[in-house]
Amino acid sequence: MPNLDTDKPFLKRLGKLLKGSPAINEKISVVFDLLQENPFTPSLKTHALTGSFKGMYSCSVTKDIRIIFKLSEDTVHLLNIGSHDEVY
């Protein structure tokens, strides 16, 4: 089971997102659990990114909220979270 790794900027964006929409907290918690179990769980709609995001992946929290992450052997490195327009 991979570990989740975050950095201070990710946590800051997450806090801002949760403050603006507290109802999304449970959805994000479920996504974090699924990322730890299997980052490619179909419900996450995980896909590889291209261009300047090559080597990174995106998954869906809601219709508009995305998480950008990188994978290593046993870690999911959470890099960015926000609306589609904010993270790309």
Protein backbone atom coordinates (compact mmCIF):
# COMPACT_ATOMS: atom_id res chain seq x y z
CA MET A 1 0.00 0.00 0.00
CA PRO A 2 1.58 3.30 -1.07
CA ASN A 3 2.10 6.12 1.39
CA LEU A 4 0.75 9.60 0.72
CA ASP A 5 3.31 12.40 0.73
CA THR A 6 2.43 16.09 0.77
CA ASP A 7 4.35 19.33 0.95
CA LYS A 8 3.49 22.65 2.56
CA PRO A 9 2.12 24.28 -0.65
CA PHE A 10 -0.23 21.31 -1.21
CA LEU A 11 -1.50 21.49 2.36
CA LYS A 12 -2.05 25.25 2.01
CA ARG A 13 -4.13 24.77 -1.17
CA LEU A 14 -6.04 21.92 0.48
CA GLY A 15 -6.85 24.10 3.50
CA LYS A 16 -8.07 26.91 1.27
CA LEU A 17 -10.24 24.48 -0.70
CA LEU A 18 -11.75 22.99 2.47
CA LYS A 19 -12.38 26.42 3.96
CA GLY A 20 -14.29 27.48 0.84
CA SER A 21 -16.31 24.25 0.67
CA PRO A 22 -16.41 22.20 3.91
CA ALA A 23 -18.76 19.65 2.32
CA ILE A 24 -15.93 18.44 0.08
CA ASN A 25 -13.92 17.19 3.09
CA GLU A 26 -15.47 13.71 3.05
CA LYS A 27 -14.96 13.31 -0.70
CA ILE A 28 -11.29 14.25 -0.41
CA SER A 29 -10.86 11.80 2.46
CA VAL A 30 -12.31 8.99 0.33
CA VAL A 31 -10.00 9.91 -2.57
CA PHE A 32 -6.95 9.87 -0.25
CA ASP A 33 -7.95 6.37 0.95
CA LEU A 34 -8.40 5.16 -2.64
CA LEU A 35 -5.04 6.64 -3.69
CA GLN A 36 -3.37 4.66 -0.90
CA GLU A 37 -5.14 1.44 -1.88
CA ASN A 38 -4.68 1.75 -5.64
CA PRO A 39 -3.99 5.05 -7.46
CA PHE A 40 -5.57 3.57 -10.59
CA THR A 41 -8.95 2.67 -9.07
CA PRO A 42 -11.42 3.31 -11.93
CA SER A 43 -13.61 5.68 -9.88
CA LEU A 44 -10.64 8.09 -9.58
CA LYS A 45 -10.37 8.42 -13.38
CA THR A 46 -6.58 8.57 -13.01
CA HIS A 47 -4.73 9.40 -16.19
CA ALA A 48 -1.18 10.28 -17.20
CA LEU A 49 -0.50 13.89 -18.09
CA THR A 50 1.50 15.20 -21.02
CA GLY A 51 3.49 18.28 -21.96
CA SER A 52 4.95 20.19 -19.03
CA PHE A 53 3.17 17.75 -16.70
CA LYS A 54 4.81 14.65 -18.22
CA GLY A 55 5.54 12.05 -15.52
CA MET A 56 2.60 13.21 -13.42
CA TYR A 57 -0.94 11.90 -13.04
CA SER A 58 -4.31 13.48 -12.40
CA CYS A 59 -7.31 12.05 -10.58
CA SER A 60 -10.78 13.40 -9.96
CA VAL A 61 -12.27 14.34 -6.59
CA THR A 62 -15.44 15.87 -8.06
CA LYS A 63 -16.51 16.88 -11.54
CA ASP A 64 -14.22 19.93 -11.35
CA ILE A 65 -11.73 19.26 -8.51
CA ARG A 66 -8.50 17.45 -9.46
CA ILE A 67 -5.43 16.18 -7.65
CA ILE A 68 -2.10 16.17 -9.48
CA PHE A 69 0.43 13.61 -8.21
CA LYS A 70 3.61 11.70 -8.99
CA LEU A 71 4.27 8.06 -8.23
CA SER A 72 7.39 6.43 -6.88
CA GLU A 73 7.88 2.83 -5.75
CA ASP A 74 5.86 3.09 -2.55
CA THR A 75 4.69 6.71 -2.41
CA VAL A 76 2.03 8.88 -3.99
CA HIS A 77 3.44 12.42 -3.95
CA LEU A 78 0.49 14.84 -3.88
CA LEU A 79 1.53 17.98 -5.77
CA ASN A 80 -1.54 20.12 -6.42
CA ILE A 81 -5.28 20.23 -5.76
CA GLY A 82 -7.94 22.55 -7.08
CA SER A 83 -10.33 23.18 -9.92
CA HIS A 84 -9.39 22.06 -13.40
CA ASP A 85 -8.37 25.59 -14.37
CA GLU A 86 -6.32 26.09 -11.18
CA VAL A 87 -4.17 22.97 -11.50
CA TYR A 88 -3.46 23.02 -15.24
